[in-house]
Amino acid sequence: MQNNPEVASPDLLAASRESLVESHIVHEFEPARVLDNLAGCYGTLIQGVYREMLPLLKGRRIIDCGCGFGQFSHVAINAGFEVTSIDIDDASLAIAREVSRIPCRRESIYATSLPDGSCDTAVCCDSIQHFDIREFRRELKRLGVQRIVIYDSNISNPLLALYRGIVGHRESNDRTADAIVREFREYGYDLVALRYQNVVSLPISGGFQRRPVPLLHRFPRAIQRIDRRLEQAIRLLRLDRFLTFRFLLVLDRRDSPKTAAAA
C-alpha cells in the first residue's frame, strides 16, 4: 500500500482517486459492464454466495469493509442485520446507492467515524487484498469486532495468477488465504474455518468486470449446481486450494466467546 507517496494508511481520504488507482487500492471499471453483470448471471450467483454467508455472522451489528457495489450489504440488510457500509471509492459507492440501494459512506477503514465497541462482525468481500492488516486490526479492536468473515480471490490458483499477469491486474496487498490467517493470528485473531470455492462460476459469469461466456451465462442455477459438485470432487482430491477461484475465511478474536465452527 506504500507504492505511491500520496497514499498512506491510516488516512486514505486525502488521497486522490488517481493515486488510489495507481496504488491498486481501487480499480478502474466500466460502469455499463458492472451494471449488466450485476443484473445478470454473476449478480444471481454472488447473491447466493452472500446469503450462504449470513449464518457465519456473529451478532447483529455488521461493518461491511470496502463494501464496493454494495451487494453483500444489500443481502444482509434484507436479512435484518444492522449494517454499516463503507468504502473509499466514490465511483463504487455511486453504484451501491443506485443499484443495491443501500446507505453507505466514504470513509477509510483505518479510521471510521463509528463509536468504540459498535460492531460485532467485520465482513470483507473482495477487499482484504487492498488493506494493510496491521492498521486494519487496530480499528477492528477499537470497534469491538469479535469475528471477521472474508470472501476473496484465491491467488493460489495458477490460472488466476496467469490471468492477472496477462491483463496486468494487481492488488495493493495480494496474499494467499494462508498468509492472511498467519498475519491475523499475530494480531489476536484465530482461524475458525477456511473453505475454497468457485471452480467455474467466476469464469463463466465474468465476475463484476468481464463479459460472461456466451449462452452458458443464461443458466446461473445450473452453473451453481455444477460448481458445487466440482467443489466436492476436488476437495476429496485435496486440490481445492489450487483449482478454485475464491476462498471463504472466518476468524475469531482470541478473547471472544466461542461459537460453533463454520461447516
C-alpha atoms as a PDB file:
ATOM      1  CA  MET A   1       0.000   0.000   0.000  1.00  0.00           C
ATOM      2  CA  GLN A   2       3.018   2.252   0.135  1.00  0.00           C
ATOM      3  CA  ASN A   3       3.892   2.266  -3.557  1.00  0.00           C
ATOM      4  CA  ASN A   4       2.568   5.805  -4.028  1.00  0.00           C
ATOM      5  CA  PRO A   5       3.781   8.535  -1.643  1.00  0.00           C
ATOM      6  CA  GLU A   6       0.402  10.276  -1.796  1.00  0.00           C
ATOM      7  CA  VAL A   7      -1.284   7.176  -0.358  1.00  0.00           C
ATOM      8  CA  ALA A   8      -0.567   6.281   3.250  1.00  0.00           C
ATOM      9  CA  SER A   9      -2.594   4.485   5.873  1.00  0.00           C
ATOM     10  CA  PRO A  10      -4.426   5.144   8.094  1.00  0.00           C
ATOM     11  CA  ASP A  11      -5.770   8.261   6.334  1.00  0.00           C
ATOM     12  CA  LEU A  12      -6.822   7.498   2.782  1.00  0.00           C
ATOM     13  CA  LEU A  13      -9.481  10.194   2.486  1.00  0.00           C
ATOM     14  CA  ALA A  14      -6.960  12.844   1.489  1.00  0.00           C
ATOM     15  CA  ALA A  15      -5.659  10.765  -1.433  1.00  0.00           C
ATOM     16  CA  SER A  16      -6.973  11.393  -4.930  1.00  0.00           C
ATOM     17  CA  ARG A  17      -8.756   8.607  -6.769  1.00  0.00           C
ATOM     18  CA  GLU A  18      -5.978   8.636  -9.358  1.00  0.00           C
ATOM     19  CA  SER A  19      -3.382   7.895  -6.697  1.00  0.00           C
ATOM     20  CA  LEU A  20      -5.571   5.157  -5.188  1.00  0.00           C
ATOM     21  CA  VAL A  21      -5.837   3.538  -8.624  1.00  0.00           C
ATOM     22  CA  GLU A  22      -2.070   3.827  -9.159  1.00  0.00           C
ATOM     23  CA  SER A  23      -1.527   2.116  -5.797  1.00  0.00           C
ATOM     24  CA  HIS A  24      -4.011  -0.656  -6.724  1.00  0.00           C
ATOM     25  CA  ILE A  25      -6.208   0.159  -3.739  1.00  0.00           C
ATOM     26  CA  VAL A  26      -9.176   0.846  -6.002  1.00  0.00           C
ATOM     27  CA  HIS A  27      -9.640  -0.178  -9.624  1.00  0.00           C
ATOM     28  CA  GLU A  28     -10.957   1.417 -12.744  1.00  0.00           C
ATOM     29  CA  PHE A  29     -14.075  -0.242 -14.119  1.00  0.00           C
ATOM     30  CA  GLU A  30     -16.608   0.150 -16.902  1.00  0.00           C
ATOM     31  CA  PRO A  31     -19.910   1.090 -15.218  1.00  0.00           C
ATOM     32  CA  ALA A  32     -22.070  -0.314 -18.017  1.00  0.00           C
ATOM     33  CA  ARG A  33     -20.351  -3.714 -17.784  1.00  0.00           C
ATOM     34  CA  VAL A  34     -20.697  -3.769 -13.993  1.00  0.00           C
ATOM     35  CA  LEU A  35     -24.395  -2.907 -14.203  1.00  0.00           C
ATOM     36  CA  ASP A  36     -25.027  -5.621 -16.807  1.00  0.00           C
ATOM     37  CA  ASN A  37     -23.189  -8.250 -14.765  1.00  0.00           C
ATOM     38  CA  LEU A  38     -24.915  -7.296 -11.522  1.00  0.00           C
ATOM     39  CA  ALA A  39     -28.257  -7.713 -13.280  1.00  0.00           C
ATOM     40  CA  GLY A  40     -27.203 -10.993 -14.915  1.00  0.00           C
ATOM     41  CA  CYS A  41     -25.567 -14.299 -14.121  1.00  0.00           C
ATOM     42  CA  TYR A  42     -22.884 -13.031 -11.766  1.00  0.00           C
ATOM     43  CA  GLY A  43     -25.355 -10.976  -9.761  1.00  0.00           C
ATOM     44  CA  THR A  44     -27.526 -14.052  -9.225  1.00  0.00           C
ATOM     45  CA  LEU A  45     -24.578 -16.240  -8.253  1.00  0.00           C
ATOM     46  CA  ILE A  46     -22.896 -13.781  -5.888  1.00  0.00           C
ATOM     47  CA  GLN A  47     -26.118 -13.000  -4.050  1.00  0.00           C
ATOM     48  CA  GLY A  48     -26.497 -16.730  -3.460  1.00  0.00           C
ATOM     49  CA  VAL A  49     -22.975 -16.860  -2.026  1.00  0.00           C
ATOM     50  CA  TYR A  50     -23.674 -13.901   0.244  1.00  0.00           C
ATOM     51  CA  ARG A  51     -26.912 -15.405   1.539  1.00  0.00           C
ATOM     52  CA  GLU A  52     -24.992 -18.551   2.477  1.00  0.00           C
ATOM     53  CA  MET A  53     -22.515 -16.391   4.423  1.00  0.00           C
ATOM     54  CA  LEU A  54     -25.185 -14.915   6.703  1.00  0.00           C
ATOM     55  CA  PRO A  55     -25.155 -17.779   9.266  1.00  0.00           C
ATOM     56  CA  LEU A  56     -21.427 -17.115   9.770  1.00  0.00           C
ATOM     57  CA  LEU A  57     -22.051 -13.616  11.110  1.00  0.00           C
ATOM     58  CA  LYS A  58     -21.712 -13.171  14.872  1.00  0.00           C
ATOM     59  CA  GLY A  59     -24.083 -10.649  16.436  1.00  0.00           C
ATOM     60  CA  ARG A  60     -26.338  -8.241  14.560  1.00  0.00           C
ATOM     61  CA  ARG A  61     -24.015  -5.242  14.121  1.00  0.00           C
ATOM     62  CA  ILE A  62     -22.029  -5.666  10.910  1.00  0.00           C
ATOM     63  CA  ILE A  63     -19.448  -3.444   9.264  1.00  0.00           C
ATOM     64  CA  ASP A  64     -19.026  -4.088   5.538  1.00  0.00           C
ATOM     65  CA  CYS A  65     -15.402  -3.096   4.995  1.00  0.00           C
ATOM     66  CA  GLY A  66     -14.821  -1.962   1.438  1.00  0.00           C
ATOM     67  CA  CYS A  67     -18.458  -2.525   0.501  1.00  0.00           C
ATOM     68  CA  GLY A  68     -17.824  -1.862  -3.195  1.00  0.00           C
ATOM     69  CA  PHE A  69     -21.044  -2.103  -5.177  1.00  0.00           C
ATOM     70  CA  GLY A  70     -22.996  -2.976  -2.045  1.00  0.00           C
ATOM     71  CA  GLN A  71     -24.220  -6.464  -2.886  1.00  0.00           C
ATOM     72  CA  PHE A  72     -23.348  -8.075   0.437  1.00  0.00           C
ATOM     73  CA  SER A  73     -24.755  -5.156   2.419  1.00  0.00           C
ATOM     74  CA  HIS A  74     -27.995  -5.388   0.450  1.00  0.00           C
ATOM     75  CA  VAL A  75     -28.383  -9.093   1.253  1.00  0.00           C
ATOM     76  CA  ALA A  76     -27.515  -8.634   4.944  1.00  0.00           C
ATOM     77  CA  ILE A  77     -29.807  -5.629   5.430  1.00  0.00           C
ATOM     78  CA  ASN A  78     -32.699  -7.545   3.870  1.00  0.00           C
ATOM     79  CA  ALA A  79     -32.000 -10.359   6.346  1.00  0.00           C
ATOM     80  CA  GLY A  80     -32.400  -7.969   9.267  1.00  0.00           C
ATOM     81  CA  PHE A  81     -28.792  -7.160  10.164  1.00  0.00           C
ATOM     82  CA  GLU A  82     -27.663  -3.676  11.151  1.00  0.00           C
ATOM     83  CA  VAL A  83     -25.036  -2.921   8.506  1.00  0.00           C
ATOM     84  CA  THR A  84     -22.603  -0.034   8.218  1.00  0.00           C
ATOM     85  CA  SER A  85     -21.276   0.048   4.660  1.00  0.00           C
ATOM     86  CA  ILE A  86     -18.063   1.946   3.953  1.00  0.00           C
ATOM     87  CA  ASP A  87     -15.697   2.271   1.035  1.00  0.00           C
ATOM     88  CA  ILE A  88     -13.013   4.691  -0.083  1.00  0.00           C
ATOM     89  CA  ASP A  89     -14.136   4.798  -3.743  1.00  0.00           C
ATOM     90  CA  ASP A  90     -16.855   7.274  -4.700  1.00  0.00           C
ATOM     91  CA  ALA A  91     -17.397   5.561  -8.069  1.00  0.00           C
ATOM     92  CA  SER A  92     -18.194   2.231  -6.402  1.00  0.00           C
ATOM     93  CA  LEU A  93     -20.391   3.897  -3.781  1.00  0.00           C
ATOM     94  CA  ALA A  94     -22.429   5.572  -6.512  1.00  0.00           C
ATOM     95  CA  ILE A  95     -23.356   2.148  -7.900  1.00  0.00           C
ATOM     96  CA  ALA A  96     -24.009   0.830  -4.386  1.00  0.00           C
ATOM     97  CA  ARG A  97     -26.544   3.604  -3.844  1.00  0.00           C
ATOM     98  CA  GLU A  98     -28.119   3.371  -7.306  1.00  0.00           C
ATOM     99  CA  VAL A  99     -28.302  -0.407  -7.772  1.00  0.00           C
ATOM    100  CA  SER A 100     -28.026  -2.019  -4.344  1.00  0.00           C
ATOM    101  CA  ARG A 101     -29.916   0.890  -2.774  1.00  0.00           C
ATOM    102  CA  ILE A 102     -28.031   0.828   0.491  1.00  0.00           C
ATOM    103  CA  PRO A 103     -26.983   3.661   2.802  1.00  0.00           C
ATOM    104  CA  CYS A 104     -23.212   3.886   2.551  1.00  0.00           C
ATOM    105  CA  ARG A 105     -20.456   6.349   3.274  1.00  0.00           C
ATOM    106  CA  ARG A 106     -16.989   7.254   2.034  1.00  0.00           C
ATOM    107  CA  GLU A 107     -14.592   6.516   4.879  1.00  0.00           C
ATOM    108  CA  SER A 108     -11.200   4.965   5.453  1.00  0.00           C
ATOM    109  CA  ILE A 109     -11.425   1.540   7.051  1.00  0.00           C
ATOM    110  CA  TYR A 110      -8.453   2.539   9.202  1.00  0.00           C
ATOM    111  CA  ALA A 111     -10.264   5.490  10.797  1.00  0.00           C
ATOM    112  CA  THR A 112     -14.047   5.132  10.734  1.00  0.00           C
ATOM    113  CA  SER A 113     -16.474   7.544  12.367  1.00  0.00           C
ATOM    114  CA  LEU A 114     -18.138   4.734  14.341  1.00  0.00           C
ATOM    115  CA  PRO A 115     -18.047   4.796  18.155  1.00  0.00           C
ATOM    116  CA  ASP A 116     -15.962   2.388  20.220  1.00  0.00           C
ATOM    117  CA  GLY A 117     -17.422  -1.103  20.628  1.00  0.00           C
ATOM    118  CA  SER A 118     -20.104  -0.600  17.969  1.00  0.00           C
ATOM    119  CA  CYS A 119     -19.555  -3.673  15.721  1.00  0.00           C
ATOM    120  CA  ASP A 120     -19.758  -7.430  16.190  1.00  0.00           C
ATOM    121  CA  THR A 121     -18.590  -8.760  12.818  1.00  0.00           C
ATOM    122  CA  ALA A 122     -16.449  -7.265  10.052  1.00  0.00           C
ATOM    123  CA  VAL A 123     -17.095  -8.531   6.534  1.00  0.00           C
ATOM    124  CA  CYS A 124     -14.562  -8.128   3.732  1.00  0.00           C
ATOM    125  CA  CYS A 125     -15.825  -9.154   0.299  1.00  0.00           C
ATOM    126  CA  ASP A 126     -13.187  -8.652  -2.401  1.00  0.00           C
ATOM    127  CA  SER A 127     -11.469  -6.039  -0.255  1.00  0.00           C
ATOM    128  CA  ILE A 128      -8.953  -7.589   2.157  1.00  0.00           C
ATOM    129  CA  GLN A 129      -6.277  -7.621  -0.579  1.00  0.00           C
ATOM    130  CA  HIS A 130      -6.469  -3.816  -0.526  1.00  0.00           C
ATOM    131  CA  PHE A 131      -5.881  -3.496   3.221  1.00  0.00           C
ATOM    132  CA  ASP A 132      -2.852  -3.069   5.439  1.00  0.00           C
ATOM    133  CA  ILE A 133      -3.854  -5.659   8.033  1.00  0.00           C
ATOM    134  CA  ARG A 134      -1.739  -4.102  10.786  1.00  0.00           C
ATOM    135  CA  GLU A 135      -3.617  -0.801  10.506  1.00  0.00           C
ATOM    136  CA  PHE A 136      -6.935  -2.549   9.868  1.00  0.00           C
ATOM    137  CA  ARG A 137      -6.828  -4.666  13.027  1.00  0.00           C
ATOM    138  CA  ARG A 138      -6.272  -1.559  15.182  1.00  0.00           C
ATOM    139  CA  GLU A 139      -9.608  -0.168  14.037  1.00  0.00           C
ATOM    140  CA  LEU A 140     -11.275  -3.565  14.413  1.00  0.00           C
ATOM    141  CA  LYS A 141     -10.078  -3.729  18.010  1.00  0.00           C
ATOM    142  CA  ARG A 142     -11.454  -0.251  18.743  1.00  0.00           C
ATOM    143  CA  LEU A 143     -14.803  -1.176  17.197  1.00  0.00           C
ATOM    144  CA  GLY A 144     -15.014  -4.333  19.303  1.00  0.00           C
ATOM    145  CA  VAL A 145     -15.127  -6.707  16.329  1.00  0.00           C
ATOM    146  CA  GLN A 146     -15.259 -10.330  17.504  1.00  0.00           C
ATOM    147  CA  ARG A 147     -15.403 -12.048  14.105  1.00  0.00           C
ATOM    148  CA  ILE A 148     -14.015 -11.373  10.630  1.00  0.00           C
ATOM    149  CA  VAL A 149     -15.570 -13.001   7.559  1.00  0.00           C
ATOM    150  CA  ILE A 150     -13.544 -12.740   4.344  1.00  0.00           C
ATOM    151  CA  TYR A 151     -14.526 -13.706   0.801  1.00  0.00           C
ATOM    152  CA  ASP A 152     -11.844 -13.032  -1.779  1.00  0.00           C
ATOM    153  CA  SER A 153      -9.788 -14.191  -4.748  1.00  0.00           C
ATOM    154  CA  ASN A 154      -7.673 -17.312  -4.357  1.00  0.00           C
ATOM    155  CA  ILE A 155      -4.268 -16.435  -5.769  1.00  0.00           C
ATOM    156  CA  SER A 156      -3.031 -19.968  -5.041  1.00  0.00           C
ATOM    157  CA  ASN A 157      -4.884 -20.899  -8.228  1.00  0.00           C
ATOM    158  CA  PRO A 158      -2.261 -20.746 -11.027  1.00  0.00           C
ATOM    159  CA  LEU A 159      -4.955 -19.983 -13.620  1.00  0.00           C
ATOM    160  CA  LEU A 160      -5.980 -16.858 -11.729  1.00  0.00           C
ATOM    161  CA  ALA A 161      -2.357 -15.822 -11.323  1.00  0.00           C
ATOM    162  CA  LEU A 162      -1.804 -16.343 -15.063  1.00  0.00           C
ATOM    163  CA  TYR A 163      -4.895 -14.320 -15.979  1.00  0.00           C
ATOM    164  CA  ARG A 164      -3.860 -11.451 -13.733  1.00  0.00           C
ATOM    165  CA  GLY A 165      -0.406 -11.455 -15.239  1.00  0.00           C
ATOM    166  CA  ILE A 166      -1.812 -11.276 -18.770  1.00  0.00           C
ATOM    167  CA  VAL A 167      -4.251  -8.422 -18.096  1.00  0.00           C
ATOM    168  CA  GLY A 168      -1.948  -6.604 -15.666  1.00  0.00           C
ATOM    169  CA  HIS A 169      -4.304  -6.776 -12.696  1.00  0.00           C
ATOM    170  CA  ARG A 170      -2.651  -6.088  -9.335  1.00  0.00           C
ATOM    171  CA  GLU A 171      -3.772  -5.602  -5.757  1.00  0.00           C
ATOM    172  CA  SER A 172      -2.006  -3.402  -3.229  1.00  0.00           C
ATOM    173  CA  ASN A 173      -1.574  -6.243  -0.710  1.00  0.00           C
ATOM    174  CA  ASP A 174      -2.106  -9.558  -2.504  1.00  0.00           C
ATOM    175  CA  ARG A 175      -1.925 -12.527  -0.113  1.00  0.00           C
ATOM    176  CA  THR A 176      -2.889 -16.172  -0.103  1.00  0.00           C
ATOM    177  CA  ALA A 177      -5.565 -17.284   2.355  1.00  0.00           C
ATOM    178  CA  ASP A 178      -2.880 -18.945   4.484  1.00  0.00           C
ATOM    179  CA  ALA A 179      -0.862 -15.726   4.600  1.00  0.00           C
ATOM    180  CA  ILE A 180      -3.939 -13.792   5.758  1.00  0.00           C
ATOM    181  CA  VAL A 181      -4.532 -16.350   8.508  1.00  0.00           C
ATOM    182  CA  ARG A 182      -0.920 -16.066   9.680  1.00  0.00           C
ATOM    183  CA  GLU A 183      -0.984 -12.284   9.739  1.00  0.00           C
ATOM    184  CA  PHE A 184      -4.247 -12.051  11.657  1.00  0.00           C
ATOM    185  CA  ARG A 185      -3.023 -14.685  14.114  1.00  0.00           C
ATOM    186  CA  GLU A 186      -0.175 -12.343  15.046  1.00  0.00           C
ATOM    187  CA  TYR A 187      -2.788  -9.730  15.958  1.00  0.00           C
ATOM    188  CA  GLY A 188      -5.025 -11.978  18.064  1.00  0.00           C
ATOM    189  CA  TYR A 189      -7.487 -13.493  15.575  1.00  0.00           C
ATOM    190  CA  ASP A 190      -7.614 -17.274  15.176  1.00  0.00           C
ATOM    191  CA  LEU A 191      -8.877 -19.433  12.323  1.00  0.00           C
ATOM    192  CA  VAL A 192     -12.420 -20.784  12.614  1.00  0.00           C
ATOM    193  CA  ALA A 193     -12.953 -22.013   9.056  1.00  0.00           C
ATOM    194  CA  LEU A 194     -11.339 -21.861   5.624  1.00  0.00           C
ATOM    195  CA  ARG A 195     -13.045 -23.159   2.521  1.00  0.00           C
ATOM    196  CA  TYR A 196     -12.002 -22.870  -1.124  1.00  0.00           C
ATOM    197  CA  GLN A 197     -14.878 -22.313  -3.557  1.00  0.00           C
ATOM    198  CA  ASN A 198     -15.838 -21.494  -7.135  1.00  0.00           C
ATOM    199  CA  VAL A 199     -14.461 -23.699  -9.895  1.00  0.00           C
ATOM    200  CA  VAL A 200     -16.409 -22.468 -12.924  1.00  0.00           C
ATOM    201  CA  SER A 201     -18.875 -19.815 -11.695  1.00  0.00           C
ATOM    202  CA  LEU A 202     -16.475 -16.892 -11.914  1.00  0.00           C
ATOM    203  CA  PRO A 203     -15.006 -17.703 -15.357  1.00  0.00           C
ATOM    204  CA  ILE A 204     -18.443 -18.333 -16.878  1.00  0.00           C
ATOM    205  CA  SER A 205     -20.260 -15.400 -15.277  1.00  0.00           C
ATOM    206  CA  GLY A 206     -17.487 -12.859 -15.885  1.00  0.00           C
ATOM    207  CA  GLY A 207     -17.374 -11.564 -12.326  1.00  0.00           C
ATOM    208  CA  PHE A 208     -18.018  -7.843 -11.997  1.00  0.00           C
ATOM    209  CA  GLN A 209     -15.943  -6.614 -14.892  1.00  0.00           C
ATOM    210  CA  ARG A 210     -15.608  -9.156 -17.720  1.00  0.00           C
ATOM    211  CA  ARG A 211     -18.021 -10.336 -20.348  1.00  0.00           C
ATOM    212  CA  PRO A 212     -19.730 -13.607 -19.429  1.00  0.00           C
ATOM    213  CA  VAL A 213     -19.356 -16.716 -21.573  1.00  0.00           C
ATOM    214  CA  PRO A 214     -21.978 -16.569 -24.352  1.00  0.00           C
ATOM    215  CA  LEU A 215     -25.054 -18.769 -23.898  1.00  0.00           C
ATOM    216  CA  LEU A 216     -23.777 -20.517 -20.739  1.00  0.00           C
ATOM    217  CA  HIS A 217     -24.329 -17.420 -18.617  1.00  0.00           C
ATOM    218  CA  ARG A 218     -28.064 -17.764 -19.181  1.00  0.00           C
ATOM    219  CA  PHE A 219     -28.235 -20.661 -16.722  1.00  0.00           C
ATOM    220  CA  PRO A 220     -26.914 -19.443 -13.341  1.00  0.00           C
ATOM    221  CA  ARG A 221     -28.739 -22.095 -11.304  1.00  0.00           C
ATOM    222  CA  ALA A 222     -27.277 -24.894 -13.386  1.00  0.00           C
ATOM    223  CA  ILE A 223     -23.819 -23.309 -13.112  1.00  0.00           C
ATOM    224  CA  GLN A 224     -24.211 -23.191  -9.340  1.00  0.00           C
ATOM    225  CA  ARG A 225     -25.170 -26.870  -9.129  1.00  0.00           C
ATOM    226  CA  ILE A 226     -22.273 -27.939 -11.343  1.00  0.00           C
ATOM    227  CA  ASP A 227     -19.879 -25.812  -9.309  1.00  0.00           C
ATOM    228  CA  ARG A 228     -20.967 -27.472  -6.066  1.00  0.00           C
ATOM    229  CA  ARG A 229     -20.328 -30.931  -7.461  1.00  0.00           C
ATOM    230  CA  LEU A 230     -16.936 -29.905  -8.796  1.00  0.00           C
ATOM    231  CA  GLU A 231     -16.008 -28.364  -5.445  1.00  0.00           C
ATOM    232  CA  GLN A 232     -16.858 -31.600  -3.659  1.00  0.00           C
ATOM    233  CA  ALA A 233     -14.824 -33.672  -6.106  1.00  0.00           C
ATOM    234  CA  ILE A 234     -11.665 -31.578  -5.995  1.00  0.00           C
ATOM    235  CA  ARG A 235     -11.943 -31.240  -2.199  1.00  0.00           C
ATOM    236  CA  LEU A 236     -11.837 -35.032  -1.934  1.00  0.00           C
ATOM    237  CA  LEU A 237      -8.730 -34.973  -4.132  1.00  0.00           C
ATOM    238  CA  ARG A 238      -7.258 -32.190  -1.960  1.00  0.00           C
ATOM    239  CA  LEU A 239      -6.851 -29.966  -4.983  1.00  0.00           C
ATOM    240  CA  ASP A 240      -9.321 -27.283  -3.955  1.00  0.00           C
ATOM    241  CA  ARG A 241      -6.548 -24.874  -2.919  1.00  0.00           C
ATOM    242  CA  PHE A 242      -5.216 -24.858  -6.497  1.00  0.00           C
ATOM    243  CA  LEU A 243      -8.330 -25.236  -8.670  1.00  0.00           C
ATOM    244  CA  THR A 244     -10.782 -22.751  -7.164  1.00  0.00           C
ATOM    245  CA  PHE A 245     -11.058 -19.034  -7.768  1.00  0.00           C
ATOM    246  CA  ARG A 246     -12.335 -17.935  -4.340  1.00  0.00           C
ATOM    247  CA  PHE A 247     -11.890 -18.627  -0.650  1.00  0.00           C
ATOM    248  CA  LEU A 248     -14.161 -18.082   2.349  1.00  0.00           C
ATOM    249  CA  LEU A 249     -12.357 -17.413   5.611  1.00  0.00           C
ATOM    250  CA  VAL A 250     -13.713 -16.963   9.157  1.00  0.00           C
ATOM    251  CA  LEU A 251     -11.575 -15.643  12.036  1.00  0.00           C
ATOM    252  CA  ASP A 252     -12.474 -15.016  15.681  1.00  0.00           C
ATOM    253  CA  ARG A 253     -10.787 -12.731  18.147  1.00  0.00           C
ATOM    254  CA  ARG A 254      -8.873 -14.818  20.635  1.00  0.00           C
ATOM    255  CA  ASP A 255     -10.713 -13.460  23.675  1.00  0.00           C
ATOM    256  CA  SER A 256     -14.186 -13.730  22.111  1.00  0.00           C
ATOM    257  CA  PRO A 257     -16.833 -16.256  23.214  1.00  0.00           C
ATOM    258  CA  LYS A 258     -16.533 -19.420  21.143  1.00  0.00           C
ATOM    259  CA  THR A 259     -19.290 -20.425  18.747  1.00  0.00           C
ATOM    260  CA  ALA A 260     -19.712 -23.428  16.508  1.00  0.00           C
ATOM    261  CA  ALA A 261     -17.236 -23.574  13.626  1.00  0.00           C
ATOM    262  CA  ALA A 262     -18.492 -22.981  10.109  1.00  0.00           C
ATOM    263  CA  ALA A 263     -19.260 -26.089   8.128  1.00  0.00           C
END
